[in-house]
Structures are given as structure tokens and as C-alpha cells.
Amino acid sequence: MSVYAVLESVVQRANQSPETLAGLNTVYQFNVSGQSYQVKVENKKAVLAEGCPYQPNCTVQLSDQTFHQLMNGQLNPVTAFMTGKLKIQGDMSQAMKLQNLLKSRL
């Protein structure tokens, strides 16, 4: 499954459960193996975009392999961060909330 398809699934599930998005008003940018994707969350609604149309609050950089391992539960996000497989720039408080959003795929 492509990175875009996985993120699209996350966004669809999150939009089906708006409580998942409560309190979020942010733009997450995912830089995955040279490709960029953004998830904008505003007013309990998430939107996925390819590229960088918005100013991100939190940017996550990782490889395609690491992305899929995280999404499949094969790799812990904290472990990925501590070992340098996952890099985060920007608002760390938003990064912490990202984990709840990504769980909406499961």
C-alpha cells in the first residue's frame, strides 16, 4: 500500500470519528523518502494533500520502510525517534497528538 493510500485511510477514518480530531488545529507534513504529504486538521475535519500547500506546524521525516513499519505496528514511534529513523521538526506538542490521529487507521 502506498504512503498516500495509508494516509488517505487515516484521514477517512478520522473524519468518521470527529472526536479523534477534537482539539487539533494543525498541519502535519510527512516527508517520506523524498515525497511530501500533508494532513491539515481544522474544525474536527482532516484533509490530505500531496506536496506542501500549507505551512506545517509539525514535520515528520522518515523512510518509506520506517513509515510502513510504524503504521503496521512493527516499530514503536519512540524507538524510531530515539534511533534516528524518525525525525520531527516544529511543534513537539502537536507531534505527541499525532500518535492518536494515526491510531485511527487501525
PDB file of N, CA and C in Angstrom:
ATOM      1  N   MET A   1       0.851  -1.179   0.000  1.00  0.00           N
ATOM      2  CA  MET A   1       0.000   0.000   0.000  1.00  0.00           C
ATOM      3  C   MET A   1       0.899   1.244   0.000  1.00  0.00           C
ATOM      4  N   SER A   2       0.577   2.207  -0.838  1.00  0.00           N
ATOM      5  CA  SER A   2       1.391   3.417  -0.925  1.00  0.00           C
ATOM      6  C   SER A   2       1.222   4.290   0.317  1.00  0.00           C
ATOM      7  N   VAL A   3       2.182   5.175   0.525  1.00  0.00           N
ATOM      8  CA  VAL A   3       2.113   6.105   1.651  1.00  0.00           C
ATOM      9  C   VAL A   3       0.845   6.946   1.538  1.00  0.00           C
ATOM     10  N   TYR A   4       0.551   7.423   0.332  1.00  0.00           N
ATOM     11  CA  TYR A   4      -0.652   8.238   0.132  1.00  0.00           C
ATOM     12  C   TYR A   4      -1.903   7.452   0.513  1.00  0.00           C
ATOM     13  N   ALA A   5      -1.980   6.198   0.092  1.00  0.00           N
ATOM     14  CA  ALA A   5      -3.154   5.365   0.394  1.00  0.00           C
ATOM     15  C   ALA A   5      -3.306   5.139   1.895  1.00  0.00           C
ATOM     16  N   VAL A   6      -2.189   4.937   2.584  1.00  0.00           N
ATOM     17  CA  VAL A   6      -2.240   4.748   4.039  1.00  0.00           C
ATOM     18  C   VAL A   6      -2.740   6.025   4.711  1.00  0.00           C
ATOM     19  N   LEU A   7      -2.180   7.168   4.324  1.00  0.00           N
ATOM     20  CA  LEU A   7      -2.610   8.436   4.918  1.00  0.00           C
ATOM     21  C   LEU A   7      -4.062   8.749   4.560  1.00  0.00           C
ATOM     22  N   GLU A   8      -4.471   8.381   3.361  1.00  0.00           N
ATOM     23  CA  GLU A   8      -5.863   8.583   2.961  1.00  0.00           C
ATOM     24  C   GLU A   8      -6.800   7.770   3.859  1.00  0.00           C
ATOM     25  N   SER A   9      -6.381   6.562   4.190  1.00  0.00           N
ATOM     26  CA  SER A   9      -7.157   5.710   5.095  1.00  0.00           C
ATOM     27  C   SER A   9      -7.244   6.336   6.486  1.00  0.00           C
ATOM     28  N   VAL A  10      -6.128   6.882   6.956  1.00  0.00           N
ATOM     29  CA  VAL A  10      -6.099   7.554   8.261  1.00  0.00           C
ATOM     30  C   VAL A  10      -7.085   8.720   8.270  1.00  0.00           C
ATOM     31  N   VAL A  11      -7.037   9.542   7.235  1.00  0.00           N
ATOM     32  CA  VAL A  11      -7.902  10.722   7.146  1.00  0.00           C
ATOM     33  C   VAL A  11      -9.375  10.312   7.078  1.00  0.00           C
ATOM     34  N   GLN A  12      -9.686   9.301   6.283  1.00  0.00           N
ATOM     35  CA  GLN A  12     -11.078   8.848   6.169  1.00  0.00           C
ATOM     36  C   GLN A  12     -11.614   8.355   7.509  1.00  0.00           C
ATOM     37  N   ARG A  13     -10.837   7.548   8.196  1.00  0.00           N
ATOM     38  CA  ARG A  13     -11.283   7.024   9.496  1.00  0.00           C
ATOM     39  C   ARG A  13     -11.396   8.133  10.536  1.00  0.00           C
ATOM     40  N   ALA A  14     -10.457   9.059  10.512  1.00  0.00           N
ATOM     41  CA  ALA A  14     -10.511  10.175  11.461  1.00  0.00           C
ATOM     42  C   ALA A  14     -11.763  11.015  11.220  1.00  0.00           C
ATOM     43  N   ASN A  15     -12.096  11.238   9.963  1.00  0.00           N
ATOM     44  CA  ASN A  15     -13.284  12.032   9.640  1.00  0.00           C
ATOM     45  C   ASN A  15     -14.576  11.307  10.003  1.00  0.00           C
ATOM     46  N   GLN A  16     -14.530   9.988  10.092  1.00  0.00           N
ATOM     47  CA  GLN A  16     -15.696   9.215  10.522  1.00  0.00           C
ATOM     48  C   GLN A  16     -15.877   9.277  12.036  1.00  0.00           C
ATOM     49  N   SER A  17     -14.811   9.642  12.742  1.00  0.00           N
ATOM     50  CA  SER A  17     -14.844   9.759  14.208  1.00  0.00           C
ATOM     51  C   SER A  17     -14.288  11.124  14.598  1.00  0.00           C
ATOM     52  N   PRO A  18     -15.074  12.190  14.436  1.00  0.00           N
ATOM     53  CA  PRO A  18     -14.578  13.545  14.683  1.00  0.00           C
ATOM     54  C   PRO A  18     -13.984  13.760  16.073  1.00  0.00           C
ATOM     55  N   GLU A  19     -14.380  12.934  17.057  1.00  0.00           N
ATOM     56  CA  GLU A  19     -13.793  13.083  18.395  1.00  0.00           C
ATOM     57  C   GLU A  19     -12.282  12.839  18.364  1.00  0.00           C
ATOM     58  N   THR A  20     -11.816  12.067  17.379  1.00  0.00           N
ATOM     59  CA  THR A  20     -10.380  11.832  17.201  1.00  0.00           C
ATOM     60  C   THR A  20      -9.657  13.142  16.904  1.00  0.00           C
ATOM     61  N   LEU A  21     -10.366  14.065  16.279  1.00  0.00           N
ATOM     62  CA  LEU A  21      -9.773  15.330  15.840  1.00  0.00           C
ATOM     63  C   LEU A  21     -10.035  16.486  16.794  1.00  0.00           C
ATOM     64  N   ALA A  22     -10.780  16.231  17.857  1.00  0.00           N
ATOM     65  CA  ALA A  22     -11.116  17.287  18.816  1.00  0.00           C
ATOM     66  C   ALA A  22      -9.845  17.907  19.390  1.00  0.00           C
ATOM     67  N   GLY A  23      -9.802  19.211  19.413  1.00  0.00           N
ATOM     68  CA  GLY A  23      -8.667  19.927  19.983  1.00  0.00           C
ATOM     69  C   GLY A  23      -7.484  20.078  19.040  1.00  0.00           C
ATOM     70  N   LEU A  24      -7.582  19.534  17.839  1.00  0.00           N
ATOM     71  CA  LEU A  24      -6.495  19.668  16.867  1.00  0.00           C
ATOM     72  C   LEU A  24      -6.821  20.770  15.874  1.00  0.00           C
ATOM     73  N   ASN A  25      -5.863  21.621  15.648  1.00  0.00           N
ATOM     74  CA  ASN A  25      -5.950  22.665  14.637  1.00  0.00           C
ATOM     75  C   ASN A  25      -4.525  22.859  14.141  1.00  0.00           C
ATOM     76  N   THR A  26      -4.122  21.998  13.210  1.00  0.00           N
ATOM     77  CA  THR A  26      -2.716  21.951  12.844  1.00  0.00           C
ATOM     78  C   THR A  26      -2.517  21.375  11.453  1.00  0.00           C
ATOM     79  N   VAL A  27      -1.297  21.509  10.955  1.00  0.00           N
ATOM     80  CA  VAL A  27      -0.904  20.887   9.690  1.00  0.00           C
ATOM     81  C   VAL A  27       0.307  20.006   9.963  1.00  0.00           C
ATOM     82  N   TYR A  28       0.143  18.715   9.659  1.00  0.00           N
ATOM     83  CA  TYR A  28       1.239  17.758   9.764  1.00  0.00           C
ATOM     84  C   TYR A  28       1.808  17.537   8.370  1.00  0.00           C
ATOM     85  N   GLN A  29       3.121  17.597   8.272  1.00  0.00           N
ATOM     86  CA  GLN A  29       3.775  17.295   7.000  1.00  0.00           C
ATOM     87  C   GLN A  29       4.588  16.023   7.172  1.00  0.00           C
ATOM     88  N   PHE A  30       4.433  15.109   6.228  1.00  0.00           N
ATOM     89  CA  PHE A  30       5.180  13.857   6.224  1.00  0.00           C
ATOM     90  C   PHE A  30       6.124  13.875   5.031  1.00  0.00           C
ATOM     91  N   ASN A  31       7.422  13.877   5.288  1.00  0.00           N
ATOM     92  CA  ASN A  31       8.426  13.763   4.238  1.00  0.00           C
ATOM     93  C   ASN A  31       8.901  12.315   4.263  1.00  0.00           C
ATOM     94  N   VAL A  32       8.442  11.539   3.286  1.00  0.00           N
ATOM     95  CA  VAL A  32       8.710  10.104   3.260  1.00  0.00           C
ATOM     96  C   VAL A  32       9.498   9.770   1.997  1.00  0.00           C
ATOM     97  N   SER A  33      10.764   9.424   2.193  1.00  0.00           N
ATOM     98  CA  SER A  33      11.631   9.031   1.071  1.00  0.00           C
ATOM     99  C   SER A  33      11.526   9.994  -0.112  1.00  0.00           C
ATOM    100  N   GLY A  34      11.632  11.286   0.174  1.00  0.00           N
ATOM    101  CA  GLY A  34      11.654  12.299  -0.877  1.00  0.00           C
ATOM    102  C   GLY A  34      10.297  12.805  -1.350  1.00  0.00           C
ATOM    103  N   GLN A  35       9.216  12.225  -0.877  1.00  0.00           N
ATOM    104  CA  GLN A  35       7.868  12.674  -1.220  1.00  0.00           C
ATOM    105  C   GLN A  35       7.263  13.388  -0.016  1.00  0.00           C
ATOM    106  N   SER A  36       6.450  14.400  -0.281  1.00  0.00           N
ATOM    107  CA  SER A  36       5.821  15.155   0.807  1.00  0.00           C
ATOM    108  C   SER A  36       4.301  15.037   0.743  1.00  0.00           C
ATOM    109  N   TYR A  37       3.717  14.875   1.927  1.00  0.00           N
ATOM    110  CA  TYR A  37       2.265  14.782   2.086  1.00  0.00           C
ATOM    111  C   TYR A  37       1.895  15.616   3.304  1.00  0.00           C
ATOM    112  N   GLN A  38       0.731  16.210   3.284  1.00  0.00           N
ATOM    113  CA  GLN A  38       0.283  16.987   4.433  1.00  0.00           C
ATOM    114  C   GLN A  38      -1.123  16.565   4.840  1.00  0.00           C
ATOM    115  N   VAL A  39      -1.331  16.546   6.146  1.00  0.00           N
ATOM    116  CA  VAL A  39      -2.659  16.333   6.706  1.00  0.00           C
ATOM    117  C   VAL A  39      -2.996  17.600   7.479  1.00  0.00           C
ATOM    118  N   LYS A  40      -4.020  18.298   7.009  1.00  0.00           N
ATOM    119  CA  LYS A  40      -4.473  19.523   7.666  1.00  0.00           C
ATOM    120  C   LYS A  40      -5.704  19.181   8.491  1.00  0.00           C
ATOM    121  N   VAL A  41      -5.662  19.529   9.770  1.00  0.00           N
ATOM    122  CA  VAL A  41      -6.787  19.276  10.669  1.00  0.00           C
ATOM    123  C   VAL A  41      -7.305  20.619  11.159  1.00  0.00           C
ATOM    124  N   GLU A  42      -8.598  20.840  10.943  1.00  0.00           N
ATOM    125  CA  GLU A  42      -9.223  22.101  11.326  1.00  0.00           C
ATOM    126  C   GLU A  42     -10.720  21.860  11.518  1.00  0.00           C
ATOM    127  N   ASN A  43     -11.264  22.373  12.598  1.00  0.00           N
ATOM    128  CA  ASN A  43     -12.700  22.243  12.882  1.00  0.00           C
ATOM    129  C   ASN A  43     -13.185  20.792  12.827  1.00  0.00           C
ATOM    130  N   LYS A  44     -12.421  19.904  13.445  1.00  0.00           N
ATOM    131  CA  LYS A  44     -12.754  18.469  13.518  1.00  0.00           C
ATOM    132  C   LYS A  44     -12.882  17.812  12.146  1.00  0.00           C
ATOM    133  N   LYS A  45     -12.097  18.295  11.184  1.00  0.00           N
ATOM    134  CA  LYS A  45     -12.076  17.700   9.845  1.00  0.00           C
ATOM    135  C   LYS A  45     -10.634  17.634   9.361  1.00  0.00           C
ATOM    136  N   ALA A  46     -10.273  16.489   8.797  1.00  0.00           N
ATOM    137  CA  ALA A  46      -8.926  16.293   8.268  1.00  0.00           C
ATOM    138  C   ALA A  46      -8.972  16.247   6.745  1.00  0.00           C
ATOM    139  N   VAL A  47      -7.934  16.827   6.122  1.00  0.00           N
ATOM    140  CA  VAL A  47      -7.807  16.853   4.668  1.00  0.00           C
ATOM    141  C   VAL A  47      -6.386  16.431   4.318  1.00  0.00           C
ATOM    142  N   LEU A  48      -6.245  15.563   3.320  1.00  0.00           N
ATOM    143  CA  LEU A  48      -4.937  15.094   2.866  1.00  0.00           C
ATOM    144  C   LEU A  48      -4.548  15.815   1.587  1.00  0.00           C
ATOM    145  N   ALA A  49      -3.278  16.207   1.490  1.00  0.00           N
ATOM    146  CA  ALA A  49      -2.777  16.859   0.282  1.00  0.00           C
ATOM    147  C   ALA A  49      -1.401  16.305  -0.058  1.00  0.00           C
ATOM    148  N   GLU A  50      -1.128  16.174  -1.349  1.00  0.00           N
ATOM    149  CA  GLU A  50       0.224  15.831  -1.788  1.00  0.00           C
ATOM    150  C   GLU A  50       0.995  17.130  -1.932  1.00  0.00           C
ATOM    151  N   GLY A  51       2.302  17.067  -1.688  1.00  0.00           N
ATOM    152  CA  GLY A  51       3.113  18.264  -1.768  1.00  0.00           C
ATOM    153  C   GLY A  51       3.005  19.079  -0.494  1.00  0.00           C
ATOM    154  N   CYS A  52       3.248  20.383  -0.622  1.00  0.00           N
ATOM    155  CA  CYS A  52       3.302  21.263   0.555  1.00  0.00           C
ATOM    156  C   CYS A  52       2.458  22.522   0.354  1.00  0.00           C
ATOM    157  N   PRO A  53       1.138  22.382   0.219  1.00  0.00           N
ATOM    158  CA  PRO A  53       0.317  23.573   0.008  1.00  0.00           C
ATOM    159  C   PRO A  53       0.116  24.430   1.256  1.00  0.00           C
ATOM    160  N   TYR A  54       0.370  23.872   2.440  1.00  0.00           N
ATOM    161  CA  TYR A  54       0.123  24.593   3.694  1.00  0.00           C
ATOM    162  C   TYR A  54       1.424  24.780   4.472  1.00  0.00           C
ATOM    163  N   GLN A  55       1.414  25.720   5.389  1.00  0.00           N
ATOM    164  CA  GLN A  55       2.542  25.927   6.303  1.00  0.00           C
ATOM    165  C   GLN A  55       2.425  24.889   7.421  1.00  0.00           C
ATOM    166  N   PRO A  56       3.372  23.956   7.530  1.00  0.00           N
ATOM    167  CA  PRO A  56       3.249  22.907   8.553  1.00  0.00           C
ATOM    168  C   PRO A  56       3.581  23.402   9.960  1.00  0.00           C
ATOM    169  N   ASN A  57       2.876  22.836  10.941  1.00  0.00           N
ATOM    170  CA  ASN A  57       3.200  23.075  12.345  1.00  0.00           C
ATOM    171  C   ASN A  57       4.169  22.017  12.857  1.00  0.00           C
ATOM    172  N   CYS A  58       4.088  20.838  12.249  1.00  0.00           N
ATOM    173  CA  CYS A  58       4.901  19.704  12.675  1.00  0.00           C
ATOM    174  C   CYS A  58       5.294  18.909  11.432  1.00  0.00           C
ATOM    175  N   THR A  59       6.589  18.696  11.258  1.00  0.00           N
ATOM    176  CA  THR A  59       7.092  17.946  10.105  1.00  0.00           C
ATOM    177  C   THR A  59       7.754  16.669  10.584  1.00  0.00           C
ATOM    178  N   VAL A  60       7.360  15.565   9.957  1.00  0.00           N
ATOM    179  CA  VAL A  60       7.891  14.249  10.286  1.00  0.00           C
ATOM    180  C   VAL A  60       8.664  13.753   9.069  1.00  0.00           C
ATOM    181  N   GLN A  61       9.918  13.372   9.292  1.00  0.00           N
ATOM    182  CA  GLN A  61      10.750  12.884   8.193  1.00  0.00           C
ATOM    183  C   GLN A  61      11.174  11.452   8.490  1.00  0.00           C
ATOM    184  N   LEU A  62      10.958  10.570   7.506  1.00  0.00           N
ATOM    185  CA  LEU A  62      11.295   9.162   7.684  1.00  0.00           C
ATOM    186  C   LEU A  62      11.323   8.465   6.333  1.00  0.00           C
ATOM    187  N   SER A  63      11.841   7.243   6.330  1.00  0.00           N
ATOM    188  CA  SER A  63      11.888   6.461   5.097  1.00  0.00           C
ATOM    189  C   SER A  63      10.549   5.773   4.866  1.00  0.00           C
ATOM    190  N   ASP A  64      10.354   5.322   3.650  1.00  0.00           N
ATOM    191  CA  ASP A  64       9.154   4.566   3.300  1.00  0.00           C
ATOM    192  C   ASP A  64       9.046   3.317   4.178  1.00  0.00           C
ATOM    193  N   GLN A  65      10.162   2.634   4.363  1.00  0.00           N
ATOM    194  CA  GLN A  65      10.176   1.417   5.181  1.00  0.00           C
ATOM    195  C   GLN A  65       9.782   1.722   6.626  1.00  0.00           C
ATOM    196  N   THR A  66      10.358   2.760   7.211  1.00  0.00           N
ATOM    197  CA  THR A  66      10.036   3.130   8.588  1.00  0.00           C
ATOM    198  C   THR A  66       8.569   3.529   8.706  1.00  0.00           C
ATOM    199  N   PHE A  67       8.063   4.279   7.734  1.00  0.00           N
ATOM    200  CA  PHE A  67       6.652   4.676   7.738  1.00  0.00           C
ATOM    201  C   PHE A  67       5.748   3.450   7.817  1.00  0.00           C
ATOM    202  N   HIS A  68       5.994   2.480   6.944  1.00  0.00           N
ATOM    203  CA  HIS A  68       5.150   1.285   6.927  1.00  0.00           C
ATOM    204  C   HIS A  68       5.310   0.452   8.199  1.00  0.00           C
ATOM    205  N   GLN A  69       6.516   0.374   8.732  1.00  0.00           N
ATOM    206  CA  GLN A  69       6.720  -0.353   9.992  1.00  0.00           C
ATOM    207  C   GLN A  69       5.942   0.304  11.125  1.00  0.00           C
ATOM    208  N   LEU A  70       5.952   1.622  11.179  1.00  0.00           N
ATOM    209  CA  LEU A  70       5.194   2.343  12.208  1.00  0.00           C
ATOM    210  C   LEU A  70       3.695   2.107  12.045  1.00  0.00           C
ATOM    211  N   MET A  71       3.218   2.206  10.826  1.00  0.00           N
ATOM    212  CA  MET A  71       1.783   2.081  10.579  1.00  0.00           C
ATOM    213  C   MET A  71       1.274   0.656  10.789  1.00  0.00           C
ATOM    214  N   ASN A  72       2.159  -0.327  10.621  1.00  0.00           N
ATOM    215  CA  ASN A  72       1.776  -1.727  10.824  1.00  0.00           C
ATOM    216  C   ASN A  72       2.018  -2.199  12.246  1.00  0.00           C
ATOM    217  N   GLY A  73       2.505  -1.291  13.106  1.00  0.00           N
ATOM    218  CA  GLY A  73       2.748  -1.653  14.497  1.00  0.00           C
ATOM    219  C   GLY A  73       4.005  -2.474  14.712  1.00  0.00           C
ATOM    220  N   GLN A  74       4.881  -2.530  13.711  1.00  0.00           N
ATOM    221  CA  GLN A  74       6.120  -3.293  13.821  1.00  0.00           C
ATOM    222  C   GLN A  74       7.239  -2.483  14.464  1.00  0.00           C
ATOM    223  N   LEU A  75       7.039  -1.179  14.585  1.00  0.00           N
ATOM    224  CA  LEU A  75       8.056  -0.296  15.150  1.00  0.00           C
ATOM    225  C   LEU A  75       7.374   0.727  16.046  1.00  0.00           C
ATOM    226  N   ASN A  76       7.920   0.902  17.227  1.00  0.00           N
ATOM    227  CA  ASN A  76       7.403   1.863  18.191  1.00  0.00           C
ATOM    228  C   ASN A  76       7.870   3.264  17.787  1.00  0.00           C
ATOM    229  N   PRO A  77       6.975   4.264  17.788  1.00  0.00           N
ATOM    230  CA  PRO A  77       7.369   5.621  17.401  1.00  0.00           C
ATOM    231  C   PRO A  77       8.495   6.202  18.256  1.00  0.00           C
ATOM    232  N   VAL A  78       8.473   5.921  19.546  1.00  0.00           N
ATOM    233  CA  VAL A  78       9.525   6.447  20.432  1.00  0.00           C
ATOM    234  C   VAL A  78      10.866   5.822  20.070  1.00  0.00           C
ATOM    235  N   THR A  79      10.867   4.527  19.832  1.00  0.00           N
ATOM    236  CA  THR A  79      12.096   3.835  19.431  1.00  0.00           C
ATOM    237  C   THR A  79      12.606   4.393  18.110  1.00  0.00           C
ATOM    238  N   ALA A  80      11.703   4.605  17.162  1.00  0.00           N
ATOM    239  CA  ALA A  80      12.089   5.158  15.861  1.00  0.00           C
ATOM    240  C   ALA A  80      12.714   6.542  16.027  1.00  0.00           C
ATOM    241  N   PHE A  81      12.141   7.361  16.893  1.00  0.00           N
ATOM    242  CA  PHE A  81      12.666   8.705  17.140  1.00  0.00           C
ATOM    243  C   PHE A  81      14.035   8.638  17.811  1.00  0.00           C
ATOM    244  N   MET A  82      14.143   7.806  18.834  1.00  0.00           N
ATOM    245  CA  MET A  82      15.393   7.721  19.600  1.00  0.00           C
ATOM    246  C   MET A  82      16.545   7.139  18.777  1.00  0.00           C
ATOM    247  N   THR A  83      16.235   6.312  17.789  1.00  0.00           N
ATOM    248  CA  THR A  83      17.281   5.712  16.957  1.00  0.00           C
ATOM    249  C   THR A  83      17.537   6.508  15.679  1.00  0.00           C
ATOM    250  N   GLY A  84      16.843   7.637  15.515  1.00  0.00           N
ATOM    251  CA  GLY A  84      17.071   8.498  14.364  1.00  0.00           C
ATOM    252  C   GLY A  84      16.342   8.085  13.093  1.00  0.00           C
ATOM    253  N   LYS A  85      15.508   7.066  13.169  1.00  0.00           N
ATOM    254  CA  LYS A  85      14.746   6.641  11.991  1.00  0.00           C
ATOM    255  C   LYS A  85      13.579   7.581  11.709  1.00  0.00           C
ATOM    256  N   LEU A  86      13.190   8.333  12.722  1.00  0.00           N
ATOM    257  CA  LEU A  86      12.078   9.273  12.640  1.00  0.00           C
ATOM    258  C   LEU A  86      12.575  10.613  13.168  1.00  0.00           C
ATOM    259  N   LYS A  87      12.470  11.646  12.351  1.00  0.00           N
ATOM    260  CA  LYS A  87      12.894  12.985  12.771  1.00  0.00           C
ATOM    261  C   LYS A  87      11.681  13.896  12.782  1.00  0.00           C
ATOM    262  N   ILE A  88      11.607  14.728  13.804  1.00  0.00           N
ATOM    263  CA  ILE A  88      10.470  15.633  13.965  1.00  0.00           C
ATOM    264  C   ILE A  88      10.985  17.059  14.074  1.00  0.00           C
ATOM    265  N   GLN A  89      10.354  17.959  13.326  1.00  0.00           N
ATOM    266  CA  GLN A  89      10.661  19.382  13.412  1.00  0.00           C
ATOM    267  C   GLN A  89       9.367  20.124  13.703  1.00  0.00           C
ATOM    268  N   GLY A  90       9.502  21.206  14.440  1.00  0.00           N
ATOM    269  CA  GLY A  90       8.324  22.024  14.718  1.00  0.00           C
ATOM    270  C   GLY A  90       7.760  21.767  16.097  1.00  0.00           C
ATOM    271  N   ASP A  91       6.465  21.885  16.207  1.00  0.00           N
ATOM    272  CA  ASP A  91       5.750  21.829  17.480  1.00  0.00           C
ATOM    273  C   ASP A  91       5.680  20.396  18.015  1.00  0.00           C
ATOM    274  N   MET A  92       6.472  20.110  19.049  1.00  0.00           N
ATOM    275  CA  MET A  92       6.519  18.758  19.620  1.00  0.00           C
ATOM    276  C   MET A  92       5.201  18.378  20.285  1.00  0.00           C
ATOM    277  N   SER A  93       4.454  19.349  20.801  1.00  0.00           N
ATOM    278  CA  SER A  93       3.166  19.012  21.415  1.00  0.00           C
ATOM    279  C   SER A  93       2.203  18.479  20.350  1.00  0.00           C
ATOM    280  N   GLN A  94       2.291  19.010  19.141  1.00  0.00           N
ATOM    281  CA  GLN A  94       1.469  18.503  18.038  1.00  0.00           C
ATOM    282  C   GLN A  94       1.947  17.116  17.605  1.00  0.00           C
ATOM    283  N   ALA A  95       3.243  16.894  17.690  1.00  0.00           N
ATOM    284  CA  ALA A  95       3.788  15.572  17.358  1.00  0.00           C
ATOM    285  C   ALA A  95       3.239  14.513  18.302  1.00  0.00           C
ATOM    286  N   MET A  96       3.098  14.850  19.567  1.00  0.00           N
ATOM    287  CA  MET A  96       2.563  13.898  20.543  1.00  0.00           C
ATOM    288  C   MET A  96       1.102  13.563  20.224  1.00  0.00           C
ATOM    289  N   LYS A  97       0.355  14.530  19.732  1.00  0.00           N
ATOM    290  CA  LYS A  97      -1.050  14.307  19.383  1.00  0.00           C
ATOM    291  C   LYS A  97      -1.190  13.507  18.087  1.00  0.00           C
ATOM    292  N   LEU A  98      -0.153  13.519  17.286  1.00  0.00           N
ATOM    293  CA  LEU A  98      -0.180  12.801  16.015  1.00  0.00           C
ATOM    294  C   LEU A  98      -0.387  11.304  16.213  1.00  0.00           C
ATOM    295  N   GLN A  99       0.176  10.774  17.270  1.00  0.00           N
ATOM    296  CA  GLN A  99       0.053   9.343  17.534  1.00  0.00           C
ATOM    297  C   GLN A  99      -1.418   8.927  17.636  1.00  0.00           C
ATOM    298  N   ASN A 100      -2.239   9.736  18.293  1.00  0.00           N
ATOM    299  CA  ASN A 100      -3.670   9.423  18.404  1.00  0.00           C
ATOM    300  C   ASN A 100      -4.360   9.464  17.041  1.00  0.00           C
ATOM    301  N   LEU A 101      -3.975  10.412  16.224  1.00  0.00           N
ATOM    302  CA  LEU A 101      -4.562  10.521  14.892  1.00  0.00           C
ATOM    303  C   LEU A 101      -4.205   9.301  14.046  1.00  0.00           C
ATOM    304  N   LEU A 102      -2.957   8.886  14.091  1.00  0.00           N
ATOM    305  CA  LEU A 102      -2.520   7.753  13.281  1.00  0.00           C
ATOM    306  C   LEU A 102      -3.147   6.447  13.738  1.00  0.00           C
ATOM    307  N   LYS A 103      -3.501   6.357  15.004  1.00  0.00           N
ATOM    308  CA  LYS A 103      -4.158   5.149  15.508  1.00  0.00           C
ATOM    309  C   LYS A 103      -5.519   4.949  14.861  1.00  0.00           C
ATOM    310  N   SER A 104      -6.082   5.997  14.296  1.00  0.00           N
ATOM    311  CA  SER A 104      -7.409   5.880  13.691  1.00  0.00           C
ATOM    312  C   SER A 104      -7.387   4.994  12.447  1.00  0.00           C
ATOM    313  N   ARG A 105      -6.209   4.622  11.998  1.00  0.00           N
ATOM    314  CA  ARG A 105      -6.116   3.713  10.851  1.00  0.00           C
ATOM    315  C   ARG A 105      -6.376   2.282  11.287  1.00  0.00           C
ATOM    316  N   LEU A 106      -6.068   1.964  12.523  1.00  0.00           N
ATOM    317  CA  LEU A 106      -6.155   0.580  12.992  1.00  0.00           C
ATOM    318  C   LEU A 106      -7.579   0.108  13.149  1.00  0.00           C
TER     319      LEU A 106
END
